[in-house]
Amino acid sequence: METPDFEQLARTILYGVDAKVVEGVTKDEDTAPVIATVSQVEAQLRYLWNARGAADIARLEDLTSGASPSMKAIDIALRGLDR
Protein backbone atom coordinates (compact mmCIF):
# COMPACT_ATOMS: atom_id res chain seq x y z
CA MET A 1 0.00 0.00 0.00
CA GLU A 2 1.33 3.40 -0.94
CA THR A 3 1.31 6.30 1.47
CA PRO A 4 -1.69 8.51 0.68
CA ASP A 5 -1.27 11.97 -0.82
CA PHE A 6 -2.11 13.85 2.38
CA GLU A 7 -2.15 17.26 0.75
CA GLN A 8 -4.69 16.13 -1.85
CA LEU A 9 -6.79 14.48 0.87
CA ALA A 10 -6.72 17.72 2.86
CA ARG A 11 -7.84 19.70 -0.18
CA THR A 12 -10.64 17.20 -0.87
CA ILE A 13 -11.84 17.38 2.73
CA LEU A 14 -11.72 21.15 2.77
CA TYR A 15 -13.51 21.34 -0.57
CA GLY A 16 -16.60 20.02 1.20
CA VAL A 17 -16.31 22.90 3.66
CA ASP A 18 -15.17 25.68 1.34
CA ALA A 19 -14.72 25.18 -2.41
CA LYS A 20 -12.38 28.19 -2.51
CA VAL A 21 -9.64 26.08 -0.88
CA VAL A 22 -9.45 23.72 -3.84
CA GLU A 23 -10.34 26.10 -6.62
CA GLY A 24 -7.90 28.75 -5.44
CA VAL A 25 -8.44 32.29 -4.36
CA THR A 26 -8.73 35.47 -6.38
CA LYS A 27 -5.65 37.59 -6.86
CA ASP A 28 -7.08 40.15 -4.43
CA GLU A 29 -7.18 37.67 -1.57
CA ASP A 30 -4.34 36.62 0.68
CA THR A 31 -3.61 32.93 0.07
CA ALA A 32 -1.61 32.42 3.28
CA PRO A 33 -4.67 31.45 5.40
CA VAL A 34 -5.78 28.94 2.76
CA ILE A 35 -2.31 27.39 2.53
CA ALA A 36 -2.06 27.27 6.32
CA THR A 37 -5.43 25.53 6.62
CA VAL A 38 -4.49 22.89 4.04
CA SER A 39 -1.17 22.37 5.82
CA GLN A 40 -2.87 21.93 9.19
CA VAL A 41 -5.33 19.37 7.86
CA GLU A 42 -2.51 17.59 6.01
CA ALA A 43 -0.47 17.39 9.24
CA GLN A 44 -3.40 15.91 11.16
CA LEU A 45 -4.04 13.29 8.46
CA ARG A 46 -0.36 12.32 8.54
CA TYR A 47 -0.48 12.11 12.35
CA LEU A 48 -3.50 9.77 12.19
CA TRP A 49 -1.82 7.60 9.54
CA ASN A 50 1.32 7.26 11.68
CA ALA A 51 -0.67 6.62 14.88
CA ARG A 52 -2.62 3.86 13.13
CA GLY A 53 0.64 2.33 11.93
CA ALA A 54 2.10 2.43 15.44
CA ALA A 55 -1.00 0.70 16.81
CA ASP A 56 -0.73 -1.97 14.11
CA ILE A 57 2.93 -2.60 14.94
CA ALA A 58 2.14 -2.87 18.66
CA ARG A 59 -0.57 -5.43 17.91
CA LEU A 60 1.78 -7.39 15.64
CA GLU A 61 4.35 -7.52 18.42
CA ASP A 62 1.72 -8.92 20.78
CA LEU A 63 0.64 -11.54 18.26
CA THR A 64 4.11 -12.68 17.25
CA SER A 65 5.95 -12.78 20.56
CA GLY A 66 7.16 -16.36 20.91
CA ALA A 67 5.71 -17.16 17.49
CA SER A 68 6.85 -19.75 15.01
CA PRO A 69 9.28 -18.85 12.21
CA SER A 70 6.39 -18.66 9.73
CA MET A 71 4.57 -16.12 11.93
CA LYS A 72 7.81 -14.14 12.21
CA ALA A 73 8.04 -14.09 8.39
CA ILE A 74 4.46 -12.79 8.18
CA ASP A 75 5.30 -10.15 10.77
CA ILE A 76 8.30 -8.97 8.74
CA ALA A 77 6.24 -8.89 5.54
CA LEU A 78 3.45 -6.87 7.15
CA ARG A 79 5.89 -4.35 8.61
CA GLY A 80 7.41 -3.87 5.16
CA LEU A 81 4.09 -2.87 3.62
CA ASP A 82 4.09 0.59 5.12
CA ARG A 83 7.65 1.60 4.28
PDB file of N, CA and C in Angstrom:
ATOM      1  N   MET A   1       0.838  -1.172   0.000  1.00  0.00           N
ATOM      2  CA  MET A   1       0.000   0.000   0.000  1.00  0.00           C
ATOM      3  C   MET A   1       0.885   1.238   0.000  1.00  0.00           C
ATOM      4  N   GLU A   2       0.572   2.159  -0.867  1.00  0.00           N
ATOM      5  CA  GLU A   2       1.328   3.402  -0.938  1.00  0.00           C
ATOM      6  C   GLU A   2       0.811   4.392   0.093  1.00  0.00           C
ATOM      7  N   THR A   3       1.709   5.244   0.552  1.00  0.00           N
ATOM      8  CA  THR A   3       1.309   6.300   1.469  1.00  0.00           C
ATOM      9  C   THR A   3       0.374   7.256   0.732  1.00  0.00           C
ATOM     10  N   PRO A   4      -0.746   7.615   1.342  1.00  0.00           N
ATOM     11  CA  PRO A   4      -1.685   8.515   0.678  1.00  0.00           C
ATOM     12  C   PRO A   4      -1.079   9.889   0.412  1.00  0.00           C
ATOM     13  N   ASP A   5      -1.649  10.583  -0.539  1.00  0.00           N
ATOM     14  CA  ASP A   5      -1.270  11.972  -0.824  1.00  0.00           C
ATOM     15  C   ASP A   5      -2.048  12.835   0.166  1.00  0.00           C
ATOM     16  N   PHE A   6      -1.422  13.150   1.298  1.00  0.00           N
ATOM     17  CA  PHE A   6      -2.115  13.845   2.379  1.00  0.00           C
ATOM     18  C   PHE A   6      -2.544  15.252   1.983  1.00  0.00           C
ATOM     19  N   GLU A   7      -1.753  15.916   1.170  1.00  0.00           N
ATOM     20  CA  GLU A   7      -2.148  17.262   0.745  1.00  0.00           C
ATOM     21  C   GLU A   7      -3.428  17.203  -0.086  1.00  0.00           C
ATOM     22  N   GLN A   8      -3.492  16.257  -1.016  1.00  0.00           N
ATOM     23  CA  GLN A   8      -4.690  16.130  -1.847  1.00  0.00           C
ATOM     24  C   GLN A   8      -5.894  15.730  -0.998  1.00  0.00           C
ATOM     25  N   LEU A   9      -5.690  14.843  -0.038  1.00  0.00           N
ATOM     26  CA  LEU A   9      -6.785  14.481   0.871  1.00  0.00           C
ATOM     27  C   LEU A   9      -7.274  15.697   1.648  1.00  0.00           C
ATOM     28  N   ALA A  10      -6.341  16.514   2.119  1.00  0.00           N
ATOM     29  CA  ALA A  10      -6.717  17.718   2.857  1.00  0.00           C
ATOM     30  C   ALA A  10      -7.537  18.652   1.967  1.00  0.00           C
ATOM     31  N   ARG A  11      -7.102  18.827   0.743  1.00  0.00           N
ATOM     32  CA  ARG A  11      -7.843  19.698  -0.176  1.00  0.00           C
ATOM     33  C   ARG A  11      -9.236  19.132  -0.453  1.00  0.00           C
ATOM     34  N   THR A  12      -9.346  17.824  -0.618  1.00  0.00           N
ATOM     35  CA  THR A  12     -10.643  17.199  -0.868  1.00  0.00           C
ATOM     36  C   THR A  12     -11.575  17.379   0.322  1.00  0.00           C
ATOM     37  N   ILE A  13     -11.038  17.191   1.519  1.00  0.00           N
ATOM     38  CA  ILE A  13     -11.842  17.378   2.731  1.00  0.00           C
ATOM     39  C   ILE A  13     -12.302  18.826   2.836  1.00  0.00           C
ATOM     40  N   LEU A  14     -11.378  19.741   2.636  1.00  0.00           N
ATOM     41  CA  LEU A  14     -11.718  21.154   2.768  1.00  0.00           C
ATOM     42  C   LEU A  14     -12.651  21.627   1.663  1.00  0.00           C
ATOM     43  N   TYR A  15     -12.608  20.973   0.520  1.00  0.00           N
ATOM     44  CA  TYR A  15     -13.507  21.339  -0.573  1.00  0.00           C
ATOM     45  C   TYR A  15     -14.964  21.207  -0.127  1.00  0.00           C
ATOM     46  N   GLY A  16     -15.244  20.196   0.686  1.00  0.00           N
ATOM     47  CA  GLY A  16     -16.597  20.021   1.201  1.00  0.00           C
ATOM     48  C   GLY A  16     -17.013  21.148   2.132  1.00  0.00           C
ATOM     49  N   VAL A  17     -16.035  21.795   2.740  1.00  0.00           N
ATOM     50  CA  VAL A  17     -16.315  22.896   3.658  1.00  0.00           C
ATOM     51  C   VAL A  17     -16.310  24.227   2.911  1.00  0.00           C
ATOM     52  N   ASP A  18     -15.318  24.401   2.036  1.00  0.00           N
ATOM     53  CA  ASP A  18     -15.167  25.675   1.340  1.00  0.00           C
ATOM     54  C   ASP A  18     -14.497  25.421  -0.005  1.00  0.00           C
ATOM     55  N   ALA A  19     -15.250  25.486  -1.073  1.00  0.00           N
ATOM     56  CA  ALA A  19     -14.725  25.183  -2.409  1.00  0.00           C
ATOM     57  C   ALA A  19     -13.551  26.080  -2.781  1.00  0.00           C
ATOM     58  N   LYS A  20     -13.456  27.258  -2.202  1.00  0.00           N
ATOM     59  CA  LYS A  20     -12.376  28.194  -2.505  1.00  0.00           C
ATOM     60  C   LYS A  20     -11.005  27.581  -2.210  1.00  0.00           C
ATOM     61  N   VAL A  21     -10.916  26.689  -1.247  1.00  0.00           N
ATOM     62  CA  VAL A  21      -9.638  26.078  -0.880  1.00  0.00           C
ATOM     63  C   VAL A  21      -9.068  25.282  -2.041  1.00  0.00           C
ATOM     64  N   VAL A  22      -9.917  24.552  -2.734  1.00  0.00           N
ATOM     65  CA  VAL A  22      -9.448  23.717  -3.839  1.00  0.00           C
ATOM     66  C   VAL A  22      -9.337  24.515  -5.129  1.00  0.00           C
ATOM     67  N   GLU A  23     -10.292  25.368  -5.365  1.00  0.00           N
ATOM     68  CA  GLU A  23     -10.336  26.102  -6.623  1.00  0.00           C
ATOM     69  C   GLU A  23      -9.369  27.274  -6.653  1.00  0.00           C
ATOM     70  N   GLY A  24      -8.817  27.630  -5.514  1.00  0.00           N
ATOM     71  CA  GLY A  24      -7.898  28.750  -5.440  1.00  0.00           C
ATOM     72  C   GLY A  24      -8.631  30.012  -5.021  1.00  0.00           C
ATOM     73  N   VAL A  25      -7.874  31.020  -4.799  1.00  0.00           N
ATOM     74  CA  VAL A  25      -8.435  32.292  -4.364  1.00  0.00           C
ATOM     75  C   VAL A  25      -8.186  33.338  -5.442  1.00  0.00           C
ATOM     76  N   THR A  26      -8.937  34.413  -5.394  1.00  0.00           N
ATOM     77  CA  THR A  26      -8.729  35.468  -6.384  1.00  0.00           C
ATOM     78  C   THR A  26      -7.429  36.198  -6.073  1.00  0.00           C
ATOM     79  N   LYS A  27      -6.927  36.910  -7.052  1.00  0.00           N
ATOM     80  CA  LYS A  27      -5.647  37.589  -6.856  1.00  0.00           C
ATOM     81  C   LYS A  27      -5.719  38.680  -5.796  1.00  0.00           C
ATOM     82  N   ASP A  28      -6.928  39.115  -5.444  1.00  0.00           N
ATOM     83  CA  ASP A  28      -7.077  40.153  -4.429  1.00  0.00           C
ATOM     84  C   ASP A  28      -7.018  39.589  -3.013  1.00  0.00           C
ATOM     85  N   GLU A  29      -7.146  38.283  -2.899  1.00  0.00           N
ATOM     86  CA  GLU A  29      -7.176  37.669  -1.572  1.00  0.00           C
ATOM     87  C   GLU A  29      -5.797  37.173  -1.157  1.00  0.00           C
ATOM     88  N   ASP A  30      -5.581  37.145   0.132  1.00  0.00           N
ATOM     89  CA  ASP A  30      -4.336  36.624   0.680  1.00  0.00           C
ATOM     90  C   ASP A  30      -4.447  35.100   0.746  1.00  0.00           C
ATOM     91  N   THR A  31      -3.536  34.397   0.106  1.00  0.00           N
ATOM     92  CA  THR A  31      -3.614  32.935   0.070  1.00  0.00           C
ATOM     93  C   THR A  31      -3.003  32.277   1.296  1.00  0.00           C
ATOM     94  N   ALA A  32      -2.285  33.013   2.120  1.00  0.00           N
ATOM     95  CA  ALA A  32      -1.612  32.418   3.276  1.00  0.00           C
ATOM     96  C   ALA A  32      -2.576  31.669   4.195  1.00  0.00           C
ATOM     97  N   PRO A  33      -3.763  32.206   4.526  1.00  0.00           N
ATOM     98  CA  PRO A  33      -4.674  31.450   5.398  1.00  0.00           C
ATOM     99  C   PRO A  33      -5.146  30.143   4.765  1.00  0.00           C
ATOM    100  N   VAL A  34      -5.344  30.156   3.453  1.00  0.00           N
ATOM    101  CA  VAL A  34      -5.776  28.944   2.756  1.00  0.00           C
ATOM    102  C   VAL A  34      -4.669  27.893   2.801  1.00  0.00           C
ATOM    103  N   ILE A  35      -3.458  28.305   2.506  1.00  0.00           N
ATOM    104  CA  ILE A  35      -2.314  27.388   2.531  1.00  0.00           C
ATOM    105  C   ILE A  35      -2.104  26.844   3.938  1.00  0.00           C
ATOM    106  N   ALA A  36      -2.234  27.699   4.932  1.00  0.00           N
ATOM    107  CA  ALA A  36      -2.064  27.265   6.322  1.00  0.00           C
ATOM    108  C   ALA A  36      -3.122  26.251   6.712  1.00  0.00           C
ATOM    109  N   THR A  37      -4.358  26.458   6.288  1.00  0.00           N
ATOM    110  CA  THR A  37      -5.432  25.529   6.619  1.00  0.00           C
ATOM    111  C   THR A  37      -5.189  24.170   5.982  1.00  0.00           C
ATOM    112  N   VAL A  38      -4.808  24.155   4.718  1.00  0.00           N
ATOM    113  CA  VAL A  38      -4.495  22.893   4.037  1.00  0.00           C
ATOM    114  C   VAL A  38      -3.342  22.196   4.755  1.00  0.00           C
ATOM    115  N   SER A  39      -2.332  22.940   5.134  1.00  0.00           N
ATOM    116  CA  SER A  39      -1.167  22.366   5.822  1.00  0.00           C
ATOM    117  C   SER A  39      -1.552  21.768   7.175  1.00  0.00           C
ATOM    118  N   GLN A  40      -2.433  22.438   7.893  1.00  0.00           N
ATOM    119  CA  GLN A  40      -2.869  21.930   9.194  1.00  0.00           C
ATOM    120  C   GLN A  40      -3.651  20.633   9.047  1.00  0.00           C
ATOM    121  N   VAL A  41      -4.556  20.585   8.084  1.00  0.00           N
ATOM    122  CA  VAL A  41      -5.330  19.365   7.861  1.00  0.00           C
ATOM    123  C   VAL A  41      -4.409  18.249   7.390  1.00  0.00           C
ATOM    124  N   GLU A  42      -3.484  18.578   6.501  1.00  0.00           N
ATOM    125  CA  GLU A  42      -2.511  17.593   6.014  1.00  0.00           C
ATOM    126  C   GLU A  42      -1.704  17.006   7.177  1.00  0.00           C
ATOM    127  N   ALA A  43      -1.257  17.849   8.084  1.00  0.00           N
ATOM    128  CA  ALA A  43      -0.470  17.388   9.239  1.00  0.00           C
ATOM    129  C   ALA A  43      -1.292  16.452  10.126  1.00  0.00           C
ATOM    130  N   GLN A  44      -2.559  16.765  10.328  1.00  0.00           N
ATOM    131  CA  GLN A  44      -3.402  15.914  11.161  1.00  0.00           C
ATOM    132  C   GLN A  44      -3.665  14.570  10.495  1.00  0.00           C
ATOM    133  N   LEU A  45      -3.853  14.553   9.183  1.00  0.00           N
ATOM    134  CA  LEU A  45      -4.035  13.291   8.461  1.00  0.00           C
ATOM    135  C   LEU A  45      -2.781  12.425   8.568  1.00  0.00           C
ATOM    136  N   ARG A  46      -1.623  13.056   8.423  1.00  0.00           N
ATOM    137  CA  ARG A  46      -0.356  12.324   8.539  1.00  0.00           C
ATOM    138  C   ARG A  46      -0.187  11.760   9.958  1.00  0.00           C
ATOM    139  N   TYR A  47      -0.551  12.560  10.964  1.00  0.00           N
ATOM    140  CA  TYR A  47      -0.481  12.108  12.352  1.00  0.00           C
ATOM    141  C   TYR A  47      -1.372  10.875  12.557  1.00  0.00           C
ATOM    142  N   LEU A  48      -2.593  10.919  12.049  1.00  0.00           N
ATOM    143  CA  LEU A  48      -3.502   9.769  12.189  1.00  0.00           C
ATOM    144  C   LEU A  48      -2.952   8.534  11.488  1.00  0.00           C
ATOM    145  N   TRP A  49      -2.400   8.722  10.292  1.00  0.00           N
ATOM    146  CA  TRP A  49      -1.818   7.603   9.541  1.00  0.00           C
ATOM    147  C   TRP A  49      -0.687   6.955  10.344  1.00  0.00           C
ATOM    148  N   ASN A  50       0.188   7.779  10.910  1.00  0.00           N
ATOM    149  CA  ASN A  50       1.318   7.263  11.683  1.00  0.00           C
ATOM    150  C   ASN A  50       0.860   6.617  12.986  1.00  0.00           C
ATOM    151  N   ALA A  51      -0.145   7.197  13.635  1.00  0.00           N
ATOM    152  CA  ALA A  51      -0.665   6.619  14.875  1.00  0.00           C
ATOM    153  C   ALA A  51      -1.293   5.258  14.599  1.00  0.00           C
ATOM    154  N   ARG A  52      -2.010   5.145  13.503  1.00  0.00           N
ATOM    155  CA  ARG A  52      -2.616   3.860  13.128  1.00  0.00           C
ATOM    156  C   ARG A  52      -1.517   2.824  12.871  1.00  0.00           C
ATOM    157  N   GLY A  53      -0.466   3.231  12.188  1.00  0.00           N
ATOM    158  CA  GLY A  53       0.643   2.327  11.928  1.00  0.00           C
ATOM    159  C   GLY A  53       1.316   1.872  13.211  1.00  0.00           C
ATOM    160  N   ALA A  54       1.485   2.782  14.161  1.00  0.00           N
ATOM    161  CA  ALA A  54       2.099   2.430  15.443  1.00  0.00           C
ATOM    162  C   ALA A  54       1.228   1.436  16.200  1.00  0.00           C
ATOM    163  N   ALA A  55      -0.080   1.637  16.148  1.00  0.00           N
ATOM    164  CA  ALA A  55      -1.005   0.700  16.815  1.00  0.00           C
ATOM    165  C   ALA A  55      -0.939  -0.671  16.149  1.00  0.00           C
ATOM    166  N   ASP A  56      -0.842  -0.685  14.827  1.00  0.00           N
ATOM    167  CA  ASP A  56      -0.731  -1.969  14.106  1.00  0.00           C
ATOM    168  C   ASP A  56       0.543  -2.701  14.492  1.00  0.00           C
ATOM    169  N   ILE A  57       1.649  -1.979  14.572  1.00  0.00           N
ATOM    170  CA  ILE A  57       2.928  -2.597  14.941  1.00  0.00           C
ATOM    171  C   ILE A  57       2.864  -3.141  16.366  1.00  0.00           C
ATOM    172  N   ALA A  58       2.271  -2.398  17.276  1.00  0.00           N
ATOM    173  CA  ALA A  58       2.145  -2.874  18.657  1.00  0.00           C
ATOM    174  C   ALA A  58       1.335  -4.159  18.712  1.00  0.00           C
ATOM    175  N   ARG A  59       0.270  -4.217  17.940  1.00  0.00           N
ATOM    176  CA  ARG A  59      -0.566  -5.425  17.913  1.00  0.00           C
ATOM    177  C   ARG A  59       0.200  -6.595  17.306  1.00  0.00           C
ATOM    178  N   LEU A  60       0.958  -6.336  16.250  1.00  0.00           N
ATOM    179  CA  LEU A  60       1.776  -7.390  15.640  1.00  0.00           C
ATOM    180  C   LEU A  60       2.779  -7.947  16.642  1.00  0.00           C
ATOM    181  N   GLU A  61       3.379  -7.065  17.427  1.00  0.00           N
ATOM    182  CA  GLU A  61       4.350  -7.519  18.418  1.00  0.00           C
ATOM    183  C   GLU A  61       3.681  -8.420  19.453  1.00  0.00           C
ATOM    184  N   ASP A  62       2.464  -8.076  19.848  1.00  0.00           N
ATOM    185  CA  ASP A  62       1.719  -8.921  20.784  1.00  0.00           C
ATOM    186  C   ASP A  62       1.434 -10.294  20.178  1.00  0.00           C
ATOM    187  N   LEU A  63       1.025 -10.295  18.920  1.00  0.00           N
ATOM    188  CA  LEU A  63       0.638 -11.543  18.259  1.00  0.00           C
ATOM    189  C   LEU A  63       1.817 -12.452  17.949  1.00  0.00           C
ATOM    190  N   THR A  64       2.979 -11.873  17.702  1.00  0.00           N
ATOM    191  CA  THR A  64       4.113 -12.680  17.245  1.00  0.00           C
ATOM    192  C   THR A  64       5.163 -12.951  18.313  1.00  0.00           C
ATOM    193  N   SER A  65       4.953 -12.476  19.537  1.00  0.00           N
ATOM    194  CA  SER A  65       5.950 -12.784  20.564  1.00  0.00           C
ATOM    195  C   SER A  65       5.914 -14.288  20.835  1.00  0.00           C
ATOM    196  N   GLY A  66       7.059 -14.912  20.731  1.00  0.00           N
ATOM    197  CA  GLY A  66       7.157 -16.356  20.913  1.00  0.00           C
ATOM    198  C   GLY A  66       6.537 -17.144  19.773  1.00  0.00           C
ATOM    199  N   ALA A  67       6.375 -16.521  18.632  1.00  0.00           N
ATOM    200  CA  ALA A  67       5.712 -17.163  17.495  1.00  0.00           C
ATOM    201  C   ALA A  67       6.675 -18.049  16.720  1.00  0.00           C
ATOM    202  N   SER A  68       6.083 -18.855  15.876  1.00  0.00           N
ATOM    203  CA  SER A  68       6.846 -19.751  15.011  1.00  0.00           C
ATOM    204  C   SER A  68       7.577 -18.941  13.944  1.00  0.00           C
ATOM    205  N   PRO A  69       8.554 -19.552  13.279  1.00  0.00           N
ATOM    206  CA  PRO A  69       9.278 -18.854  12.214  1.00  0.00           C
ATOM    207  C   PRO A  69       8.350 -18.349  11.099  1.00  0.00           C
ATOM    208  N   SER A  70       7.296 -19.113  10.786  1.00  0.00           N
ATOM    209  CA  SER A  70       6.391 -18.659   9.726  1.00  0.00           C
ATOM    210  C   SER A  70       5.621 -17.411  10.158  1.00  0.00           C
ATOM    211  N   MET A  71       5.247 -17.317  11.429  1.00  0.00           N
ATOM    212  CA  MET A  71       4.573 -16.123  11.928  1.00  0.00           C
ATOM    213  C   MET A  71       5.540 -14.938  11.929  1.00  0.00           C
ATOM    214  N   LYS A  72       6.799 -15.208  12.249  1.00  0.00           N
ATOM    215  CA  LYS A  72       7.807 -14.136  12.213  1.00  0.00           C
ATOM    216  C   LYS A  72       7.958 -13.601  10.784  1.00  0.00           C
ATOM    217  N   ALA A  73       7.926 -14.504   9.793  1.00  0.00           N
ATOM    218  CA  ALA A  73       8.039 -14.090   8.395  1.00  0.00           C
ATOM    219  C   ALA A  73       6.841 -13.224   7.995  1.00  0.00           C
ATOM    220  N   ILE A  74       5.656 -13.590   8.454  1.00  0.00           N
ATOM    221  CA  ILE A  74       4.457 -12.795   8.183  1.00  0.00           C
ATOM    222  C   ILE A  74       4.593 -11.424   8.834  1.00  0.00           C
ATOM    223  N   ASP A  75       5.097 -11.408  10.059  1.00  0.00           N
ATOM    224  CA  ASP A  75       5.303 -10.155  10.775  1.00  0.00           C
ATOM    225  C   ASP A  75       6.232  -9.228   9.983  1.00  0.00           C
ATOM    226  N   ILE A  76       7.335  -9.760   9.510  1.00  0.00           N
ATOM    227  CA  ILE A  76       8.301  -8.967   8.739  1.00  0.00           C
ATOM    228  C   ILE A  76       7.660  -8.454   7.454  1.00  0.00           C
ATOM    229  N   ALA A  77       6.887  -9.296   6.786  1.00  0.00           N
ATOM    230  CA  ALA A  77       6.236  -8.889   5.542  1.00  0.00           C
ATOM    231  C   ALA A  77       5.222  -7.780   5.785  1.00  0.00           C
ATOM    232  N   LEU A  78       4.448  -7.888   6.841  1.00  0.00           N
ATOM    233  CA  LEU A  78       3.448  -6.871   7.154  1.00  0.00           C
ATOM    234  C   LEU A  78       4.097  -5.541   7.517  1.00  0.00           C
ATOM    235  N   ARG A  79       5.187  -5.594   8.242  1.00  0.00           N
ATOM    236  CA  ARG A  79       5.891  -4.350   8.613  1.00  0.00           C
ATOM    237  C   ARG A  79       6.452  -3.652   7.375  1.00  0.00           C
ATOM    238  N   GLY A  80       6.846  -4.431   6.386  1.00  0.00           N
ATOM    239  CA  GLY A  80       7.406  -3.873   5.164  1.00  0.00           C
ATOM    240  C   GLY A  80       6.392  -3.186   4.269  1.00  0.00           C
ATOM    241  N   LEU A  81       5.121  -3.458   4.480  1.00  0.00           N
ATOM    242  CA  LEU A  81       4.091  -2.869   3.624  1.00  0.00           C
ATOM    243  C   LEU A  81       4.007  -1.358   3.741  1.00  0.00           C
ATOM    244  N   ASP A  82       4.296  -0.834   4.887  1.00  0.00           N
ATOM    245  CA  ASP A  82       4.087   0.591   5.124  1.00  0.00           C
ATOM    246  C   ASP A  82       5.371   1.400   5.023  1.00  0.00           C
ATOM    247  N   ARG A  83       6.379   0.858   4.413  1.00  0.00           N
ATOM    248  CA  ARG A  83       7.648   1.599   4.283  1.00  0.00           C
ATOM    249  C   ARG A  83       7.780   2.216   2.938  1.00  0.00           C
TER     250      ARG A  83
END
